[in-house]
């Protein structure tokens, strides 16, 4: 991580019984540095606040994954590497607690891939980038919730539906909801997105606690 932490704490807990990590979007190819004031990063802040309100007093650590660069960058899969590094850091500070990942767009792709980590019990993917042939085997026995706006012109809602179908066939507990009138930036009907995401996070945490 070139000296910087991959994990940014947004709310600590003592003791920590579970954790939620947020992964913002990015671009296909871009090796320029990722900054906290970029629009993709700022877009996730209301989701962090909504999850914080929904899990207040529940011993849930909230954090964000800090990317080194802005792009996925082909086989480098840079945000996936950053997410796995953040999960390792989280384990050092909080122990082997169950984790829910919440990712938007490119962050949704990274979250779905990072479900290969045993401590990840659930994923909430918001308008995820789901290229054809994206792997789903790592989602077996995991809880997967996908929200995708039906007016999204950046990532394809049909690809999300197809991925959820393949994930379910591979043994995931997966479901997809198409948000009527929803766009990629989640700015149209933003309150609906935030409330739905908060409910999904609490549901995924409850499922993770039951499995534990």
C-alpha atoms as a PDB file:
ATOM      1  CA  UNK A   1       0.000   0.000   0.000  1.00  0.00           C
ATOM      2  CA  UNK A   2       3.010   2.297  -0.466  1.00  0.00           C
ATOM      3  CA  UNK A   3       2.940   3.340   3.175  1.00  0.00           C
ATOM      4  CA  UNK A   4      -0.738   4.261   3.477  1.00  0.00           C
ATOM      5  CA  UNK A   5      -3.457   2.268   5.142  1.00  0.00           C
ATOM      6  CA  UNK A   6      -6.059   0.562   2.962  1.00  0.00           C
ATOM      7  CA  UNK A   7      -8.617   0.842   5.767  1.00  0.00           C
ATOM      8  CA  UNK A   8     -10.206   4.121   6.833  1.00  0.00           C
ATOM      9  CA  UNK A   9     -12.250   3.873  10.033  1.00  0.00           C
ATOM     10  CA  UNK A  10     -15.505   5.824   9.999  1.00  0.00           C
ATOM     11  CA  UNK A  11     -16.936   4.488  13.271  1.00  0.00           C
ATOM     12  CA  UNK A  12     -15.178   2.342  15.819  1.00  0.00           C
ATOM     13  CA  UNK A  13     -16.851  -0.023  18.283  1.00  0.00           C
ATOM     14  CA  UNK A  14     -15.791  -1.718  21.498  1.00  0.00           C
ATOM     15  CA  UNK A  15     -16.209  -4.594  21.371  1.00  0.00           C
ATOM     16  CA  UNK A  16     -16.579  -5.101  17.617  1.00  0.00           C
ATOM     17  CA  UNK A  17     -19.088  -7.822  16.775  1.00  0.00           C
ATOM     18  CA  UNK A  18     -19.238  -7.167  13.025  1.00  0.00           C
ATOM     19  CA  UNK A  19     -17.984  -4.728  10.404  1.00  0.00           C
ATOM     20  CA  UNK A  20     -19.240  -2.989   7.288  1.00  0.00           C
ATOM     21  CA  UNK A  21     -16.765  -1.735   4.701  1.00  0.00           C
ATOM     22  CA  UNK A  22     -17.705   0.654   1.886  1.00  0.00           C
ATOM     23  CA  UNK A  23     -16.112   0.609  -1.564  1.00  0.00           C
ATOM     24  CA  UNK A  24     -16.681   3.523  -3.930  1.00  0.00           C
ATOM     25  CA  UNK A  25     -16.590   3.503  -7.710  1.00  0.00           C
ATOM     26  CA  UNK A  26     -13.845   4.347 -10.165  1.00  0.00           C
ATOM     27  CA  UNK A  27     -12.914   3.795 -13.796  1.00  0.00           C
ATOM     28  CA  UNK A  28     -11.866   1.002 -16.107  1.00  0.00           C
ATOM     29  CA  UNK A  29      -8.282   2.189 -16.677  1.00  0.00           C
ATOM     30  CA  UNK A  30      -6.665   4.929 -14.592  1.00  0.00           C
ATOM     31  CA  UNK A  31      -3.459   4.707 -12.572  1.00  0.00           C
ATOM     32  CA  UNK A  32      -3.782   8.204 -11.193  1.00  0.00           C
ATOM     33  CA  UNK A  33      -4.117   8.461  -7.405  1.00  0.00           C
ATOM     34  CA  UNK A  34      -7.536   8.051  -5.824  1.00  0.00           C
ATOM     35  CA  UNK A  35      -8.507  10.943  -3.542  1.00  0.00           C
ATOM     36  CA  UNK A  36     -11.172  11.198  -0.849  1.00  0.00           C
ATOM     37  CA  UNK A  37     -12.660  14.311  -2.474  1.00  0.00           C
ATOM     38  CA  UNK A  38     -13.277  12.669  -5.850  1.00  0.00           C
ATOM     39  CA  UNK A  39     -17.015  12.475  -6.660  1.00  0.00           C
ATOM     40  CA  UNK A  40     -17.019   8.673  -6.600  1.00  0.00           C
ATOM     41  CA  UNK A  41     -15.753   8.696  -3.017  1.00  0.00           C
ATOM     42  CA  UNK A  42     -18.078  11.478  -1.876  1.00  0.00           C
ATOM     43  CA  UNK A  43     -21.067   9.624  -3.327  1.00  0.00           C
ATOM     44  CA  UNK A  44     -20.704   6.886  -0.715  1.00  0.00           C
ATOM     45  CA  UNK A  45     -20.752   9.173   2.329  1.00  0.00           C
ATOM     46  CA  UNK A  46     -24.584   9.298   2.599  1.00  0.00           C
ATOM     47  CA  UNK A  47     -24.639   5.494   2.546  1.00  0.00           C
ATOM     48  CA  UNK A  48     -22.130   5.406   5.394  1.00  0.00           C
ATOM     49  CA  UNK A  49     -24.303   7.820   7.383  1.00  0.00           C
ATOM     50  CA  UNK A  50     -27.454   5.789   6.687  1.00  0.00           C
ATOM     51  CA  UNK A  51     -25.756   2.582   7.807  1.00  0.00           C
ATOM     52  CA  UNK A  52     -24.392   4.318  10.902  1.00  0.00           C
ATOM     53  CA  UNK A  53     -27.879   5.414  11.921  1.00  0.00           C
ATOM     54  CA  UNK A  54     -29.334   1.952  11.272  1.00  0.00           C
ATOM     55  CA  UNK A  55     -26.653   0.150  13.331  1.00  0.00           C
ATOM     56  CA  UNK A  56     -26.113   2.607  16.185  1.00  0.00           C
ATOM     57  CA  UNK A  57     -25.142   0.859  19.408  1.00  0.00           C
ATOM     58  CA  UNK A  58     -24.868  -2.557  17.773  1.00  0.00           C
ATOM     59  CA  UNK A  59     -21.088  -2.987  18.002  1.00  0.00           C
ATOM     60  CA  UNK A  60     -20.631  -2.529  14.250  1.00  0.00           C
ATOM     61  CA  UNK A  61     -17.364  -1.092  12.970  1.00  0.00           C
ATOM     62  CA  UNK A  62     -17.821   1.074   9.867  1.00  0.00           C
ATOM     63  CA  UNK A  63     -14.962   1.728   7.500  1.00  0.00           C
ATOM     64  CA  UNK A  64     -14.050   2.590   3.934  1.00  0.00           C
ATOM     65  CA  UNK A  65     -11.536   0.992   1.601  1.00  0.00           C
ATOM     66  CA  UNK A  66      -8.883   3.459   0.458  1.00  0.00           C
ATOM     67  CA  UNK A  67      -7.794   2.819  -3.122  1.00  0.00           C
ATOM     68  CA  UNK A  68      -4.276   3.585  -4.270  1.00  0.00           C
ATOM     69  CA  UNK A  69      -5.402   4.388  -7.824  1.00  0.00           C
ATOM     70  CA  UNK A  70      -8.677   5.256  -9.528  1.00  0.00           C
ATOM     71  CA  UNK A  71      -8.960   2.392 -12.021  1.00  0.00           C
ATOM     72  CA  UNK A  72      -9.520  -1.355 -12.090  1.00  0.00           C
ATOM     73  CA  UNK A  73      -6.651  -1.655 -14.559  1.00  0.00           C
ATOM     74  CA  UNK A  74      -7.206  -5.030 -16.147  1.00  0.00           C
ATOM     75  CA  UNK A  75      -5.464  -7.996 -14.603  1.00  0.00           C
ATOM     76  CA  UNK A  76      -4.040  -5.749 -11.870  1.00  0.00           C
ATOM     77  CA  UNK A  77      -7.544  -5.549 -10.321  1.00  0.00           C
ATOM     78  CA  UNK A  78      -6.215  -2.763  -8.115  1.00  0.00           C
ATOM     79  CA  UNK A  79      -9.356  -2.099  -6.025  1.00  0.00           C
ATOM     80  CA  UNK A  80      -9.664  -5.807  -5.274  1.00  0.00           C
ATOM     81  CA  UNK A  81      -6.091  -5.836  -3.970  1.00  0.00           C
ATOM     82  CA  UNK A  82      -6.866  -2.794  -1.830  1.00  0.00           C
ATOM     83  CA  UNK A  83     -10.018  -4.413  -0.460  1.00  0.00           C
ATOM     84  CA  UNK A  84      -8.195  -7.589   0.539  1.00  0.00           C
ATOM     85  CA  UNK A  85      -5.512  -5.459   2.222  1.00  0.00           C
ATOM     86  CA  UNK A  86      -8.232  -3.542   4.113  1.00  0.00           C
ATOM     87  CA  UNK A  87      -9.768  -6.834   5.276  1.00  0.00           C
ATOM     88  CA  UNK A  88      -6.392  -7.938   6.613  1.00  0.00           C
ATOM     89  CA  UNK A  89      -5.995  -4.635   8.462  1.00  0.00           C
ATOM     90  CA  UNK A  90      -9.488  -4.956   9.874  1.00  0.00           C
ATOM     91  CA  UNK A  91      -8.686  -8.416  11.232  1.00  0.00           C
ATOM     92  CA  UNK A  92      -5.651  -7.007  13.020  1.00  0.00           C
ATOM     93  CA  UNK A  93      -7.641  -4.270  14.755  1.00  0.00           C
ATOM     94  CA  UNK A  94     -10.990  -6.010  15.317  1.00  0.00           C
ATOM     95  CA  UNK A  95     -10.331  -9.734  15.108  1.00  0.00           C
ATOM     96  CA  UNK A  96     -12.008 -12.273  12.854  1.00  0.00           C
ATOM     97  CA  UNK A  97     -15.452 -10.668  12.884  1.00  0.00           C
ATOM     98  CA  UNK A  98     -18.039 -11.177  10.133  1.00  0.00           C
ATOM     99  CA  UNK A  99     -17.864  -8.503   7.444  1.00  0.00           C
ATOM    100  CA  UNK A 100     -20.410  -7.035   5.044  1.00  0.00           C
ATOM    101  CA  UNK A 101     -19.076  -5.218   1.975  1.00  0.00           C
ATOM    102  CA  UNK A 102     -21.026  -2.388   0.327  1.00  0.00           C
ATOM    103  CA  UNK A 103     -19.734  -1.376  -3.087  1.00  0.00           C
ATOM    104  CA  UNK A 104     -20.884   0.951  -5.860  1.00  0.00           C
ATOM    105  CA  UNK A 105     -20.048   0.448  -9.542  1.00  0.00           C
ATOM    106  CA  UNK A 106     -16.374  -0.591  -9.727  1.00  0.00           C
ATOM    107  CA  UNK A 107     -16.529  -0.958  -5.947  1.00  0.00           C
ATOM    108  CA  UNK A 108     -19.410  -3.372  -6.396  1.00  0.00           C
ATOM    109  CA  UNK A 109     -17.248  -5.503  -8.659  1.00  0.00           C
ATOM    110  CA  UNK A 110     -14.431  -5.438  -6.110  1.00  0.00           C
ATOM    111  CA  UNK A 111     -16.827  -6.312  -3.275  1.00  0.00           C
ATOM    112  CA  UNK A 112     -18.225  -9.287  -5.160  1.00  0.00           C
ATOM    113  CA  UNK A 113     -14.721 -10.543  -5.946  1.00  0.00           C
ATOM    114  CA  UNK A 114     -13.523  -9.989  -2.359  1.00  0.00           C
ATOM    115  CA  UNK A 115     -16.262 -12.308  -1.092  1.00  0.00           C
ATOM    116  CA  UNK A 116     -13.590 -14.972  -1.574  1.00  0.00           C
ATOM    117  CA  UNK A 117     -12.297 -13.913   1.864  1.00  0.00           C
ATOM    118  CA  UNK A 118     -13.848 -16.228   4.492  1.00  0.00           C
ATOM    119  CA  UNK A 119     -14.663 -13.365   6.881  1.00  0.00           C
ATOM    120  CA  UNK A 120     -16.878 -11.710   4.231  1.00  0.00           C
ATOM    121  CA  UNK A 121     -20.368 -13.021   4.901  1.00  0.00           C
ATOM    122  CA  UNK A 122     -22.430 -10.682   2.747  1.00  0.00           C
ATOM    123  CA  UNK A 123     -22.221  -8.199  -0.117  1.00  0.00           C
ATOM    124  CA  UNK A 124     -24.457  -5.295  -1.055  1.00  0.00           C
ATOM    125  CA  UNK A 125     -23.619  -4.245  -4.621  1.00  0.00           C
ATOM    126  CA  UNK A 126     -25.047  -0.937  -5.836  1.00  0.00           C
ATOM    127  CA  UNK A 127     -25.176  -0.581  -9.636  1.00  0.00           C
ATOM    128  CA  UNK A 128     -22.206  -2.943  -9.888  1.00  0.00           C
ATOM    129  CA  UNK A 129     -19.946  -3.263 -12.903  1.00  0.00           C
ATOM    130  CA  UNK A 130     -20.425  -6.881 -13.961  1.00  0.00           C
ATOM    131  CA  UNK A 131     -18.431  -7.670 -17.107  1.00  0.00           C
ATOM    132  CA  UNK A 132     -19.331 -10.799 -19.029  1.00  0.00           C
ATOM    133  CA  UNK A 133     -17.678 -13.839 -17.532  1.00  0.00           C
ATOM    134  CA  UNK A 134     -17.208 -12.316 -14.078  1.00  0.00           C
ATOM    135  CA  UNK A 135     -16.571 -15.178 -11.598  1.00  0.00           C
ATOM    136  CA  UNK A 136     -19.286 -16.171  -9.121  1.00  0.00           C
ATOM    137  CA  UNK A 137     -17.837 -19.294  -7.455  1.00  0.00           C
ATOM    138  CA  UNK A 138     -16.513 -17.181  -4.564  1.00  0.00           C
ATOM    139  CA  UNK A 139     -20.108 -16.238  -3.714  1.00  0.00           C
ATOM    140  CA  UNK A 140     -21.126 -19.768  -2.750  1.00  0.00           C
ATOM    141  CA  UNK A 141     -22.809 -19.799   0.692  1.00  0.00           C
ATOM    142  CA  UNK A 142     -22.640 -15.982   0.836  1.00  0.00           C
ATOM    143  CA  UNK A 143     -25.524 -13.505   1.027  1.00  0.00           C
ATOM    144  CA  UNK A 144     -25.607 -11.213  -1.998  1.00  0.00           C
ATOM    145  CA  UNK A 145     -27.975  -8.282  -2.515  1.00  0.00           C
ATOM    146  CA  UNK A 146     -27.841  -6.180  -5.682  1.00  0.00           C
ATOM    147  CA  UNK A 147     -29.645  -2.902  -6.323  1.00  0.00           C
ATOM    148  CA  UNK A 148     -29.488  -1.477  -9.834  1.00  0.00           C
ATOM    149  CA  UNK A 149     -31.338   1.479 -11.341  1.00  0.00           C
ATOM    150  CA  UNK A 150     -33.312   0.551 -14.429  1.00  0.00           C
ATOM    151  CA  UNK A 151     -32.208   3.804 -16.116  1.00  0.00           C
ATOM    152  CA  UNK A 152     -28.502   3.218 -15.547  1.00  0.00           C
ATOM    153  CA  UNK A 153     -26.514   4.036 -18.697  1.00  0.00           C
ATOM    154  CA  UNK A 154     -23.045   3.453 -17.208  1.00  0.00           C
ATOM    155  CA  UNK A 155     -23.323  -0.120 -15.941  1.00  0.00           C
ATOM    156  CA  UNK A 156     -25.895  -2.532 -17.308  1.00  0.00           C
ATOM    157  CA  UNK A 157     -28.743  -3.613 -15.003  1.00  0.00           C
ATOM    158  CA  UNK A 158     -29.274  -6.674 -17.202  1.00  0.00           C
ATOM    159  CA  UNK A 159     -25.713  -7.762 -16.434  1.00  0.00           C
ATOM    160  CA  UNK A 160     -26.502  -7.523 -12.716  1.00  0.00           C
ATOM    161  CA  UNK A 161     -29.550  -9.737 -13.170  1.00  0.00           C
ATOM    162  CA  UNK A 162     -27.490 -12.270 -15.108  1.00  0.00           C
ATOM    163  CA  UNK A 163     -24.740 -12.301 -12.476  1.00  0.00           C
ATOM    164  CA  UNK A 164     -27.233 -12.837  -9.649  1.00  0.00           C
ATOM    165  CA  UNK A 165     -28.785 -15.733 -11.550  1.00  0.00           C
ATOM    166  CA  UNK A 166     -25.366 -17.341 -12.043  1.00  0.00           C
ATOM    167  CA  UNK A 167     -24.423 -16.700  -8.408  1.00  0.00           C
ATOM    168  CA  UNK A 168     -27.614 -18.341  -7.180  1.00  0.00           C
ATOM    169  CA  UNK A 169     -26.911 -21.340  -9.412  1.00  0.00           C
ATOM    170  CA  UNK A 170     -23.423 -21.518  -7.848  1.00  0.00           C
ATOM    171  CA  UNK A 171     -24.874 -21.707  -4.340  1.00  0.00           C
ATOM    172  CA  UNK A 172     -25.148 -18.063  -3.257  1.00  0.00           C
ATOM    173  CA  UNK A 173     -28.180 -16.652  -1.489  1.00  0.00           C
ATOM    174  CA  UNK A 174     -28.522 -13.909  -4.078  1.00  0.00           C
ATOM    175  CA  UNK A 175     -31.226 -11.442  -5.008  1.00  0.00           C
ATOM    176  CA  UNK A 176     -31.477  -8.403  -7.264  1.00  0.00           C
ATOM    177  CA  UNK A 177     -33.818  -5.408  -7.142  1.00  0.00           C
ATOM    178  CA  UNK A 178     -34.179  -3.029 -10.079  1.00  0.00           C
ATOM    179  CA  UNK A 179     -34.814   0.490  -8.787  1.00  0.00           C
ATOM    180  CA  UNK A 180     -37.479   2.209 -10.921  1.00  0.00           C
ATOM    181  CA  UNK A 181     -36.106   5.427 -12.398  1.00  0.00           C
ATOM    182  CA  UNK A 182     -32.734   4.895 -10.724  1.00  0.00           C
ATOM    183  CA  UNK A 183     -29.596   6.224 -12.421  1.00  0.00           C
ATOM    184  CA  UNK A 184     -25.976   5.180 -12.015  1.00  0.00           C
ATOM    185  CA  UNK A 185     -25.010   8.020  -9.676  1.00  0.00           C
ATOM    186  CA  UNK A 186     -27.910   7.122  -7.337  1.00  0.00           C
ATOM    187  CA  UNK A 187     -28.883  10.799  -7.233  1.00  0.00           C
ATOM    188  CA  UNK A 188     -32.432  10.340  -8.523  1.00  0.00           C
ATOM    189  CA  UNK A 189     -34.567   9.202  -5.587  1.00  0.00           C
ATOM    190  CA  UNK A 190     -31.416   9.311  -3.448  1.00  0.00           C
ATOM    191  CA  UNK A 191     -33.341   8.934  -0.200  1.00  0.00           C
ATOM    192  CA  UNK A 192     -34.860   5.706  -1.480  1.00  0.00           C
ATOM    193  CA  UNK A 193     -31.389   4.351  -2.283  1.00  0.00           C
ATOM    194  CA  UNK A 194     -30.046   5.281   1.157  1.00  0.00           C
ATOM    195  CA  UNK A 195     -32.976   3.795   3.073  1.00  0.00           C
ATOM    196  CA  UNK A 196     -32.978   0.594   1.039  1.00  0.00           C
ATOM    197  CA  UNK A 197     -29.226   0.200   1.473  1.00  0.00           C
ATOM    198  CA  UNK A 198     -29.466   0.684   5.239  1.00  0.00           C
ATOM    199  CA  UNK A 199     -32.181  -1.978   5.453  1.00  0.00           C
ATOM    200  CA  UNK A 200     -30.112  -4.335   3.333  1.00  0.00           C
ATOM    201  CA  UNK A 201     -27.043  -3.805   5.507  1.00  0.00           C
ATOM    202  CA  UNK A 202     -28.947  -4.581   8.705  1.00  0.00           C
ATOM    203  CA  UNK A 203     -30.429  -7.668   7.059  1.00  0.00           C
ATOM    204  CA  UNK A 204     -27.024  -8.889   5.913  1.00  0.00           C
ATOM    205  CA  UNK A 205     -25.559  -8.291   9.376  1.00  0.00           C
ATOM    206  CA  UNK A 206     -28.411 -10.220  10.959  1.00  0.00           C
ATOM    207  CA  UNK A 207     -27.863 -13.112   8.577  1.00  0.00           C
ATOM    208  CA  UNK A 208     -24.119 -13.067   9.294  1.00  0.00           C
ATOM    209  CA  UNK A 209     -24.783 -13.141  13.044  1.00  0.00           C
ATOM    210  CA  UNK A 210     -27.129 -16.074  12.621  1.00  0.00           C
ATOM    211  CA  UNK A 211     -24.562 -17.985  10.595  1.00  0.00           C
ATOM    212  CA  UNK A 212     -21.895 -17.262  13.191  1.00  0.00           C
END
